[in-house]
Each structure stands twice: as C-alpha cells, then as structure tokens.
Amino acid sequence: MGCRRNITRYTGQDNTFSSTRECKFLGFLADAIEANDQDGFTKVVVEYDHVMKLDNWKTAILLKIKKGISDEPSML
C-alpha cells in the first residue's frame, strides 16, 4: 500500500515523524481504507478535525478518498 510505504519513508527521513499527530492520523486512515470502512474513515477525520482544523482543500481530498473506499478498495 503506497500510503504505508510513504509513512515508513517519512519516518526514516525524520525520526520524530512517527510520534506526530499527523503520522498517527495517516496510519488510522490507512487502517480504515484497508478495512474498507467508510464509517471508520469518517470517524478518524472528524476526530482529527476537532483537534487540527482541516482546510477546504484537505477536506475535499479526504472526501474523494472516502468515496473511493467503496468504489475501488485498493486505490491506495
């Protein structure tokens, strides 16, 4: 999965990345995508948005990814 590969790559480039909120967010999103779980994906996004407000661009991208979960489960 490209997302997991990139998380590993970024962690290798910056040892502190694995402990960041963003890394954990990406990991939870990857889990939801792999489980084909739109509700879980939404829950993770809403929880993150409560802490770190997502801008319109990020929201639009995440919505496209969420829609792709049921359309094409292996998109990432």
C-alpha atoms as a PDB file:
ATOM      1  CA  MET A   1       0.000   0.000   0.000  1.00  0.00           C
ATOM      2  CA  GLY A   2       1.502   3.322  -1.085  1.00  0.00           C
ATOM      3  CA  CYS A   3       0.335   5.178   1.987  1.00  0.00           C
ATOM      4  CA  ARG A   4       2.079   2.816   4.383  1.00  0.00           C
ATOM      5  CA  ARG A   5       5.227   2.818   2.251  1.00  0.00           C
ATOM      6  CA  ASN A   6       5.325   6.621   2.351  1.00  0.00           C
ATOM      7  CA  ILE A   7       4.743   6.728   6.111  1.00  0.00           C
ATOM      8  CA  THR A   8       7.728   4.402   6.513  1.00  0.00           C
ATOM      9  CA  ARG A   9       9.810   6.545   4.172  1.00  0.00           C
ATOM     10  CA  TYR A  10       8.946   9.765   6.023  1.00  0.00           C
ATOM     11  CA  THR A  11       9.680   8.118   9.355  1.00  0.00           C
ATOM     12  CA  GLY A  12      13.086   7.145   8.009  1.00  0.00           C
ATOM     13  CA  GLN A  13      13.748  10.733   6.979  1.00  0.00           C
ATOM     14  CA  ASP A  14      12.630  12.190  10.308  1.00  0.00           C
ATOM     15  CA  ASN A  15      12.764  10.029  13.432  1.00  0.00           C
ATOM     16  CA  THR A  16      10.231  12.279  15.200  1.00  0.00           C
ATOM     17  CA  PHE A  17       7.578  11.856  12.493  1.00  0.00           C
ATOM     18  CA  SER A  18       6.279   8.565  13.898  1.00  0.00           C
ATOM     19  CA  SER A  19       5.233  10.284  17.124  1.00  0.00           C
ATOM     20  CA  THR A  20       3.368  13.139  15.436  1.00  0.00           C
ATOM     21  CA  ARG A  21      -0.382  13.544  15.319  1.00  0.00           C
ATOM     22  CA  GLU A  22      -0.191  13.624  11.525  1.00  0.00           C
ATOM     23  CA  CYS A  23       1.582  10.264  11.299  1.00  0.00           C
ATOM     24  CA  LYS A  24      -0.952   8.662  13.599  1.00  0.00           C
ATOM     25  CA  PHE A  25      -3.774  10.228  11.557  1.00  0.00           C
ATOM     26  CA  LEU A  26      -2.365   8.780   8.334  1.00  0.00           C
ATOM     27  CA  GLY A  27      -1.975   5.377   9.962  1.00  0.00           C
ATOM     28  CA  PHE A  28      -5.587   5.352  11.149  1.00  0.00           C
ATOM     29  CA  LEU A  29      -6.769   6.442   7.696  1.00  0.00           C
ATOM     30  CA  ALA A  30      -4.765   3.632   6.109  1.00  0.00           C
ATOM     31  CA  ASP A  31      -6.316   1.143   8.555  1.00  0.00           C
ATOM     32  CA  ALA A  32      -9.823   2.298   7.634  1.00  0.00           C
ATOM     33  CA  ILE A  33      -9.077   2.127   3.914  1.00  0.00           C
ATOM     34  CA  GLU A  34      -7.596  -1.360   4.188  1.00  0.00           C
ATOM     35  CA  ALA A  35     -10.659  -2.473   6.167  1.00  0.00           C
ATOM     36  CA  ASN A  36     -12.926  -0.882   3.532  1.00  0.00           C
ATOM     37  CA  ASP A  37     -14.550   1.003   6.423  1.00  0.00           C
ATOM     38  CA  GLN A  38     -16.099   4.323   5.370  1.00  0.00           C
ATOM     39  CA  ASP A  39     -17.589   4.908   8.825  1.00  0.00           C
ATOM     40  CA  GLY A  40     -14.233   4.352  10.499  1.00  0.00           C
ATOM     41  CA  PHE A  41     -12.596   6.681   7.977  1.00  0.00           C
ATOM     42  CA  THR A  42     -15.165   9.378   8.741  1.00  0.00           C
ATOM     43  CA  LYS A  43     -14.702   8.939  12.486  1.00  0.00           C
ATOM     44  CA  VAL A  44     -10.927   9.383  12.193  1.00  0.00           C
ATOM     45  CA  VAL A  45     -11.319  12.501  10.039  1.00  0.00           C
ATOM     46  CA  VAL A  46     -13.878  14.058  12.399  1.00  0.00           C
ATOM     47  CA  GLU A  47     -11.699  13.373  15.450  1.00  0.00           C
ATOM     48  CA  TYR A  48      -8.654  14.886  13.752  1.00  0.00           C
ATOM     49  CA  ASP A  49     -10.671  17.894  12.576  1.00  0.00           C
ATOM     50  CA  HIS A  50     -11.704  18.629  16.156  1.00  0.00           C
ATOM     51  CA  VAL A  51      -8.037  18.966  17.129  1.00  0.00           C
ATOM     52  CA  MET A  52      -6.487  20.318  13.919  1.00  0.00           C
ATOM     53  CA  LYS A  53      -8.987  22.125  11.718  1.00  0.00           C
ATOM     54  CA  LEU A  54      -8.874  20.808   8.152  1.00  0.00           C
ATOM     55  CA  ASP A  55      -8.989  23.378   5.369  1.00  0.00           C
ATOM     56  CA  ASN A  56     -11.298  23.083   2.353  1.00  0.00           C
ATOM     57  CA  TRP A  57      -8.650  21.529   0.109  1.00  0.00           C
ATOM     58  CA  LYS A  58      -7.817  18.755   2.600  1.00  0.00           C
ATOM     59  CA  THR A  59     -11.495  18.142   3.244  1.00  0.00           C
ATOM     60  CA  ALA A  60     -12.162  17.785  -0.492  1.00  0.00           C
ATOM     61  CA  ILE A  61      -9.269  15.330  -0.929  1.00  0.00           C
ATOM     62  CA  LEU A  62     -10.365  13.252   2.063  1.00  0.00           C
ATOM     63  CA  LEU A  63     -13.925  13.160   0.727  1.00  0.00           C
ATOM     64  CA  LYS A  64     -12.662  11.829  -2.622  1.00  0.00           C
ATOM     65  CA  ILE A  65     -10.659   9.161  -0.811  1.00  0.00           C
ATOM     66  CA  LYS A  66     -13.686   8.203   1.299  1.00  0.00           C
ATOM     67  CA  LYS A  67     -15.848   7.850  -1.806  1.00  0.00           C
ATOM     68  CA  GLY A  68     -13.133   5.699  -3.353  1.00  0.00           C
ATOM     69  CA  ILE A  69     -13.181   3.258  -0.459  1.00  0.00           C
ATOM     70  CA  SER A  70     -16.342   1.581  -1.699  1.00  0.00           C
ATOM     71  CA  ASP A  71     -15.677   2.216  -5.394  1.00  0.00           C
ATOM     72  CA  GLU A  72     -12.103   0.950  -5.506  1.00  0.00           C
ATOM     73  CA  PRO A  73     -10.881  -0.545  -2.210  1.00  0.00           C
ATOM     74  CA  SER A  74      -7.288  -0.923  -3.394  1.00  0.00           C
ATOM     75  CA  MET A  75      -6.823   2.672  -4.563  1.00  0.00           C
ATOM     76  CA  LEU A  76      -4.014   3.325  -2.046  1.00  0.00           C
END
